[in-house]
Amino acid sequence: MCPDRQILSAYFDGEIDSPWDRAIADHLAGCERCRRVLEELEETRQLLRDEPVESFAAPMERVRRNLIAGVPPVMPAVPAWRRRVELPIPVAVAAAMLIVALGIGFAVMMSRSGMGYIRITRAPAGNTEYQFAVPYDKVEALLKSVGGAAASSDDLMTLPKDVKLIPVGTPTMGREAEYPRKRP
């Protein structure tokens, strides 16, 4: 059985200890394929030796001088829109879904900005509590929708703390039916 290329490379570099180096030498005496691998390694080593080293001397000296001087390397300026960003497919899909969800949420929020909100809770004693925030021009519609409750129930409406009300006239208590409303 022939040794693999890494073992032959280690043998070629003299990194195999005895007695294994003798076993590989005995194998090479009878194996043409392994001798060709060693010949290729010798050709590669010879090509590397013949390569001129001087061609790298000037750039290496410039880098050495810049490192000593503390000059940061000059990177070519690439505009942000031309930079390549590589993401794994699941991350890219998740990012796209997040962007779409944020867009839909923003569109819904913008379409509901004039609607306000209302929350109705019923207490264990049977009372109903309404919490609402609506624009001033929608209060009449809100009161009409609340007016559908049974006349015998107690209704409590809570206004936000930061609302400043301007009293007009004399405050009185009464039932809704006693006060006429403007009908649209």
C-alpha atoms as a PDB file:
ATOM      1  CA  MET A   1       0.000   0.000   0.000  1.00  0.00           C
ATOM      2  CA  CYS A   2       1.382   3.418  -1.018  1.00  0.00           C
ATOM      3  CA  PRO A   3       1.779   6.218   1.517  1.00  0.00           C
ATOM      4  CA  ASP A   4      -0.336   9.302   0.862  1.00  0.00           C
ATOM      5  CA  ARG A   5       1.032  12.548  -0.601  1.00  0.00           C
ATOM      6  CA  GLN A   6       1.439  14.249   2.794  1.00  0.00           C
ATOM      7  CA  ILE A   7       3.645  11.435   4.113  1.00  0.00           C
ATOM      8  CA  LEU A   8       5.726  11.499   0.920  1.00  0.00           C
ATOM      9  CA  SER A   9       6.084  15.305   1.286  1.00  0.00           C
ATOM     10  CA  ALA A  10       7.210  14.884   4.908  1.00  0.00           C
ATOM     11  CA  TYR A  11       9.720  12.195   3.763  1.00  0.00           C
ATOM     12  CA  PHE A  12      10.947  14.548   1.004  1.00  0.00           C
ATOM     13  CA  ASP A  13      11.489  17.316   3.597  1.00  0.00           C
ATOM     14  CA  GLY A  14      13.348  14.915   5.932  1.00  0.00           C
ATOM     15  CA  GLU A  15      10.674  15.013   8.636  1.00  0.00           C
ATOM     16  CA  ILE A  16      10.134  11.222   8.949  1.00  0.00           C
ATOM     17  CA  ASP A  17      12.049   9.530  11.774  1.00  0.00           C
ATOM     18  CA  SER A  18      13.746   6.160  11.720  1.00  0.00           C
ATOM     19  CA  PRO A  19      12.704   3.324  11.134  1.00  0.00           C
ATOM     20  CA  TRP A  20       9.850   4.725   9.011  1.00  0.00           C
ATOM     21  CA  ASP A  21      12.168   6.619   6.679  1.00  0.00           C
ATOM     22  CA  ARG A  22      13.885   3.329   5.751  1.00  0.00           C
ATOM     23  CA  ALA A  23      10.501   1.666   5.150  1.00  0.00           C
ATOM     24  CA  ILE A  24       9.470   4.493   2.774  1.00  0.00           C
ATOM     25  CA  ALA A  25      12.872   4.326   0.992  1.00  0.00           C
ATOM     26  CA  ASP A  26      12.385   0.563   0.460  1.00  0.00           C
ATOM     27  CA  HIS A  27       8.875   1.235  -0.869  1.00  0.00           C
ATOM     28  CA  LEU A  28      10.134   3.938  -3.279  1.00  0.00           C
ATOM     29  CA  ALA A  29      12.654   1.466  -4.746  1.00  0.00           C
ATOM     30  CA  GLY A  30       9.790  -0.638  -6.063  1.00  0.00           C
ATOM     31  CA  CYS A  31       6.959   1.909  -6.690  1.00  0.00           C
ATOM     32  CA  GLU A  32       7.012   4.044  -9.827  1.00  0.00           C
ATOM     33  CA  ARG A  33       3.936   6.082  -8.810  1.00  0.00           C
ATOM     34  CA  CYS A  34       5.485   7.262  -5.520  1.00  0.00           C
ATOM     35  CA  ARG A  35       8.791   8.104  -7.262  1.00  0.00           C
ATOM     36  CA  ARG A  36       6.825  10.365  -9.685  1.00  0.00           C
ATOM     37  CA  VAL A  37       5.236  12.150  -6.708  1.00  0.00           C
ATOM     38  CA  LEU A  38       8.728  12.803  -5.276  1.00  0.00           C
ATOM     39  CA  GLU A  39       9.898  14.073  -8.690  1.00  0.00           C
ATOM     40  CA  GLU A  40       6.930  16.516  -8.788  1.00  0.00           C
ATOM     41  CA  LEU A  41       7.856  17.731  -5.312  1.00  0.00           C
ATOM     42  CA  GLU A  42      11.445  18.280  -6.441  1.00  0.00           C
ATOM     43  CA  GLU A  43      10.269  20.220  -9.516  1.00  0.00           C
ATOM     44  CA  THR A  44       8.065  22.422  -7.294  1.00  0.00           C
ATOM     45  CA  ARG A  45      10.963  23.087  -4.923  1.00  0.00           C
ATOM     46  CA  GLN A  46      13.218  23.998  -7.884  1.00  0.00           C
ATOM     47  CA  LEU A  47      10.591  26.414  -9.290  1.00  0.00           C
ATOM     48  CA  LEU A  48      10.319  28.114  -5.906  1.00  0.00           C
ATOM     49  CA  ARG A  49      14.089  28.451  -5.683  1.00  0.00           C
ATOM     50  CA  ASP A  50      14.283  29.988  -9.168  1.00  0.00           C
ATOM     51  CA  GLU A  51      11.523  32.551  -8.421  1.00  0.00           C
ATOM     52  CA  PRO A  52      13.057  36.022  -8.043  1.00  0.00           C
ATOM     53  CA  VAL A  53      12.574  37.349  -4.518  1.00  0.00           C
ATOM     54  CA  GLU A  54      13.579  40.897  -5.474  1.00  0.00           C
ATOM     55  CA  SER A  55      10.129  41.586  -6.983  1.00  0.00           C
ATOM     56  CA  PHE A  56       8.640  41.625  -3.472  1.00  0.00           C
ATOM     57  CA  ALA A  57      11.370  43.701  -1.839  1.00  0.00           C
ATOM     58  CA  ALA A  58       9.998  47.184  -2.699  1.00  0.00           C
ATOM     59  CA  PRO A  59       6.381  46.598  -1.536  1.00  0.00           C
ATOM     60  CA  MET A  60       7.597  44.822   1.599  1.00  0.00           C
ATOM     61  CA  GLU A  61       9.893  47.742   2.422  1.00  0.00           C
ATOM     62  CA  ARG A  62       7.027  50.226   1.934  1.00  0.00           C
ATOM     63  CA  VAL A  63       4.796  48.205   4.300  1.00  0.00           C
ATOM     64  CA  ARG A  64       7.612  47.994   6.846  1.00  0.00           C
ATOM     65  CA  ARG A  65       8.171  51.775   6.742  1.00  0.00           C
ATOM     66  CA  ASN A  66       4.419  52.442   7.110  1.00  0.00           C
ATOM     67  CA  LEU A  67       4.177  50.075  10.068  1.00  0.00           C
ATOM     68  CA  ILE A  68       7.100  51.752  11.795  1.00  0.00           C
ATOM     69  CA  ALA A  69       5.643  55.223  11.087  1.00  0.00           C
ATOM     70  CA  GLY A  70       2.199  54.142  12.327  1.00  0.00           C
ATOM     71  CA  VAL A  71       0.482  55.023   9.049  1.00  0.00           C
ATOM     72  CA  PRO A  72      -2.773  53.087   8.625  1.00  0.00           C
ATOM     73  CA  PRO A  73      -3.031  51.149   5.375  1.00  0.00           C
ATOM     74  CA  VAL A  74      -4.780  52.998   2.560  1.00  0.00           C
ATOM     75  CA  MET A  75      -7.960  51.225   1.587  1.00  0.00           C
ATOM     76  CA  PRO A  76      -9.645  52.075  -1.692  1.00  0.00           C
ATOM     77  CA  ALA A  77     -12.766  54.156  -1.140  1.00  0.00           C
ATOM     78  CA  VAL A  78     -15.801  52.091  -2.069  1.00  0.00           C
ATOM     79  CA  PRO A  79     -19.226  53.726  -1.859  1.00  0.00           C
ATOM     80  CA  ALA A  80     -21.615  52.062   0.577  1.00  0.00           C
ATOM     81  CA  TRP A  81     -24.057  51.048  -2.149  1.00  0.00           C
ATOM     82  CA  ARG A  82     -21.325  49.200  -4.050  1.00  0.00           C
ATOM     83  CA  ARG A  83     -20.004  47.194  -1.099  1.00  0.00           C
ATOM     84  CA  ARG A  84     -20.747  43.530  -1.217  1.00  0.00           C
ATOM     85  CA  VAL A  85     -22.545  42.102   1.785  1.00  0.00           C
ATOM     86  CA  GLU A  86     -22.694  38.357   2.110  1.00  0.00           C
ATOM     87  CA  LEU A  87     -25.297  36.852   4.425  1.00  0.00           C
ATOM     88  CA  PRO A  88     -26.349  33.261   4.919  1.00  0.00           C
ATOM     89  CA  ILE A  89     -29.706  32.599   3.245  1.00  0.00           C
ATOM     90  CA  PRO A  90     -31.667  32.073   6.515  1.00  0.00           C
ATOM     91  CA  VAL A  91     -30.386  35.391   7.881  1.00  0.00           C
ATOM     92  CA  ALA A  92     -31.262  37.197   4.638  1.00  0.00           C
ATOM     93  CA  VAL A  93     -34.775  35.684   4.647  1.00  0.00           C
ATOM     94  CA  ALA A  94     -35.283  36.645   8.303  1.00  0.00           C
ATOM     95  CA  ALA A  95     -34.100  40.205   7.594  1.00  0.00           C
ATOM     96  CA  ALA A  96     -36.451  40.494   4.611  1.00  0.00           C
ATOM     97  CA  MET A  97     -39.382  39.203   6.682  1.00  0.00           C
ATOM     98  CA  LEU A  98     -38.561  41.679   9.462  1.00  0.00           C
ATOM     99  CA  ILE A  99     -38.493  44.569   6.988  1.00  0.00           C
ATOM    100  CA  VAL A 100     -41.838  43.497   5.505  1.00  0.00           C
ATOM    101  CA  ALA A 101     -43.396  43.124   8.988  1.00  0.00           C
ATOM    102  CA  LEU A 102     -42.129  46.560  10.027  1.00  0.00           C
ATOM    103  CA  GLY A 103     -43.524  48.050   6.819  1.00  0.00           C
ATOM    104  CA  ILE A 104     -46.933  46.481   7.390  1.00  0.00           C
ATOM    105  CA  GLY A 105     -46.935  47.604  11.027  1.00  0.00           C
ATOM    106  CA  PHE A 106     -46.021  51.143  10.018  1.00  0.00           C
ATOM    107  CA  ALA A 107     -48.774  51.218   7.370  1.00  0.00           C
ATOM    108  CA  VAL A 108     -51.371  49.982   9.875  1.00  0.00           C
ATOM    109  CA  MET A 109     -50.183  52.494  12.471  1.00  0.00           C
ATOM    110  CA  MET A 110     -50.426  55.358   9.980  1.00  0.00           C
ATOM    111  CA  SER A 111     -53.902  54.302   8.853  1.00  0.00           C
ATOM    112  CA  ARG A 112     -55.150  54.096  12.455  1.00  0.00           C
ATOM    113  CA  SER A 113     -53.536  57.309  13.700  1.00  0.00           C
ATOM    114  CA  GLY A 114     -56.852  59.210  13.622  1.00  0.00           C
ATOM    115  CA  MET A 115     -58.932  56.419  15.140  1.00  0.00           C
ATOM    116  CA  GLY A 116     -57.756  56.365  18.744  1.00  0.00           C
ATOM    117  CA  TYR A 117     -58.484  53.392  20.963  1.00  0.00           C
ATOM    118  CA  ILE A 118     -61.056  52.183  23.432  1.00  0.00           C
ATOM    119  CA  ARG A 119     -60.791  49.490  26.080  1.00  0.00           C
ATOM    120  CA  ILE A 120     -63.888  48.195  27.862  1.00  0.00           C
ATOM    121  CA  THR A 121     -63.522  46.143  31.032  1.00  0.00           C
ATOM    122  CA  ARG A 122     -66.205  44.667  33.215  1.00  0.00           C
ATOM    123  CA  ALA A 123     -65.674  44.580  36.964  1.00  0.00           C
ATOM    124  CA  PRO A 124     -66.764  41.541  39.009  1.00  0.00           C
ATOM    125  CA  ALA A 125     -69.640  43.583  40.483  1.00  0.00           C
ATOM    126  CA  GLY A 126     -71.087  44.077  37.003  1.00  0.00           C
ATOM    127  CA  ASN A 127     -69.819  47.630  36.463  1.00  0.00           C
ATOM    128  CA  THR A 128     -68.307  48.570  33.121  1.00  0.00           C
ATOM    129  CA  GLU A 129     -65.183  50.700  32.814  1.00  0.00           C
ATOM    130  CA  TYR A 130     -64.399  52.469  29.564  1.00  0.00           C
ATOM    131  CA  GLN A 131     -60.923  53.766  28.807  1.00  0.00           C
ATOM    132  CA  PHE A 132     -60.628  55.642  25.575  1.00  0.00           C
ATOM    133  CA  ALA A 133     -58.465  58.044  23.634  1.00  0.00           C
ATOM    134  CA  VAL A 134     -60.092  59.538  20.589  1.00  0.00           C
ATOM    135  CA  PRO A 135     -59.727  62.791  18.674  1.00  0.00           C
ATOM    136  CA  TYR A 136     -62.134  65.541  19.722  1.00  0.00           C
ATOM    137  CA  ASP A 137     -64.283  65.202  16.599  1.00  0.00           C
ATOM    138  CA  LYS A 138     -64.857  61.473  17.294  1.00  0.00           C
ATOM    139  CA  VAL A 139     -66.135  61.879  20.891  1.00  0.00           C
ATOM    140  CA  GLU A 140     -69.767  62.112  19.730  1.00  0.00           C
ATOM    141  CA  ALA A 141     -69.493  58.785  17.896  1.00  0.00           C
ATOM    142  CA  LEU A 142     -67.881  57.228  20.964  1.00  0.00           C
ATOM    143  CA  LEU A 143     -70.676  58.422  23.226  1.00  0.00           C
ATOM    144  CA  LYS A 144     -73.289  57.012  20.827  1.00  0.00           C
ATOM    145  CA  SER A 145     -71.565  53.616  20.895  1.00  0.00           C
ATOM    146  CA  VAL A 146     -71.368  53.666  24.697  1.00  0.00           C
ATOM    147  CA  GLY A 147     -74.997  54.765  24.951  1.00  0.00           C
ATOM    148  CA  GLY A 148     -76.116  51.325  23.811  1.00  0.00           C
ATOM    149  CA  ALA A 149     -75.434  49.907  27.291  1.00  0.00           C
ATOM    150  CA  ALA A 150     -78.363  49.050  29.552  1.00  0.00           C
ATOM    151  CA  ALA A 151     -79.786  52.013  31.450  1.00  0.00           C
ATOM    152  CA  SER A 152     -79.398  50.237  34.777  1.00  0.00           C
ATOM    153  CA  SER A 153     -75.605  49.819  34.521  1.00  0.00           C
ATOM    154  CA  ASP A 154     -73.126  52.239  36.033  1.00  0.00           C
ATOM    155  CA  ASP A 155     -70.605  53.542  33.503  1.00  0.00           C
ATOM    156  CA  LEU A 156     -67.263  55.050  34.438  1.00  0.00           C
ATOM    157  CA  MET A 157     -65.239  57.005  31.881  1.00  0.00           C
ATOM    158  CA  THR A 158     -61.617  57.832  32.748  1.00  0.00           C
ATOM    159  CA  LEU A 159     -59.791  60.620  30.969  1.00  0.00           C
ATOM    160  CA  PRO A 160     -55.969  60.683  30.737  1.00  0.00           C
ATOM    161  CA  LYS A 161     -54.253  62.706  33.479  1.00  0.00           C
ATOM    162  CA  ASP A 162     -52.640  65.163  31.091  1.00  0.00           C
ATOM    163  CA  VAL A 163     -56.001  66.316  29.624  1.00  0.00           C
ATOM    164  CA  LYS A 164     -56.969  69.843  30.621  1.00  0.00           C
ATOM    165  CA  LEU A 165     -60.702  70.343  30.521  1.00  0.00           C
ATOM    166  CA  ILE A 166     -62.279  73.770  30.277  1.00  0.00           C
ATOM    167  CA  PRO A 167     -65.505  73.943  32.285  1.00  0.00           C
ATOM    168  CA  VAL A 168     -68.391  75.528  30.410  1.00  0.00           C
ATOM    169  CA  GLY A 169     -71.563  76.357  32.322  1.00  0.00           C
ATOM    170  CA  THR A 170     -72.624  74.905  35.627  1.00  0.00           C
ATOM    171  CA  PRO A 171     -71.799  71.245  36.178  1.00  0.00           C
ATOM    172  CA  THR A 172     -74.870  69.097  36.766  1.00  0.00           C
ATOM    173  CA  MET A 173     -75.611  65.396  36.955  1.00  0.00           C
ATOM    174  CA  GLY A 174     -78.285  63.837  34.821  1.00  0.00           C
ATOM    175  CA  ARG A 175     -79.215  61.077  32.467  1.00  0.00           C
ATOM    176  CA  GLU A 176     -78.267  61.123  28.832  1.00  0.00           C
ATOM    177  CA  ALA A 177     -81.928  60.923  27.798  1.00  0.00           C
ATOM    178  CA  GLU A 178     -82.586  64.237  29.519  1.00  0.00           C
ATOM    179  CA  TYR A 179     -80.125  66.087  27.294  1.00  0.00           C
ATOM    180  CA  PRO A 180     -80.841  66.376  23.571  1.00  0.00           C
ATOM    181  CA  ARG A 181     -77.921  65.711  21.217  1.00  0.00           C
ATOM    182  CA  LYS A 182     -77.200  66.990  17.791  1.00  0.00           C
ATOM    183  CA  ARG A 183     -78.109  64.361  15.256  1.00  0.00           C
ATOM    184  CA  PRO A 184     -75.929  64.147  12.143  1.00  0.00           C
END
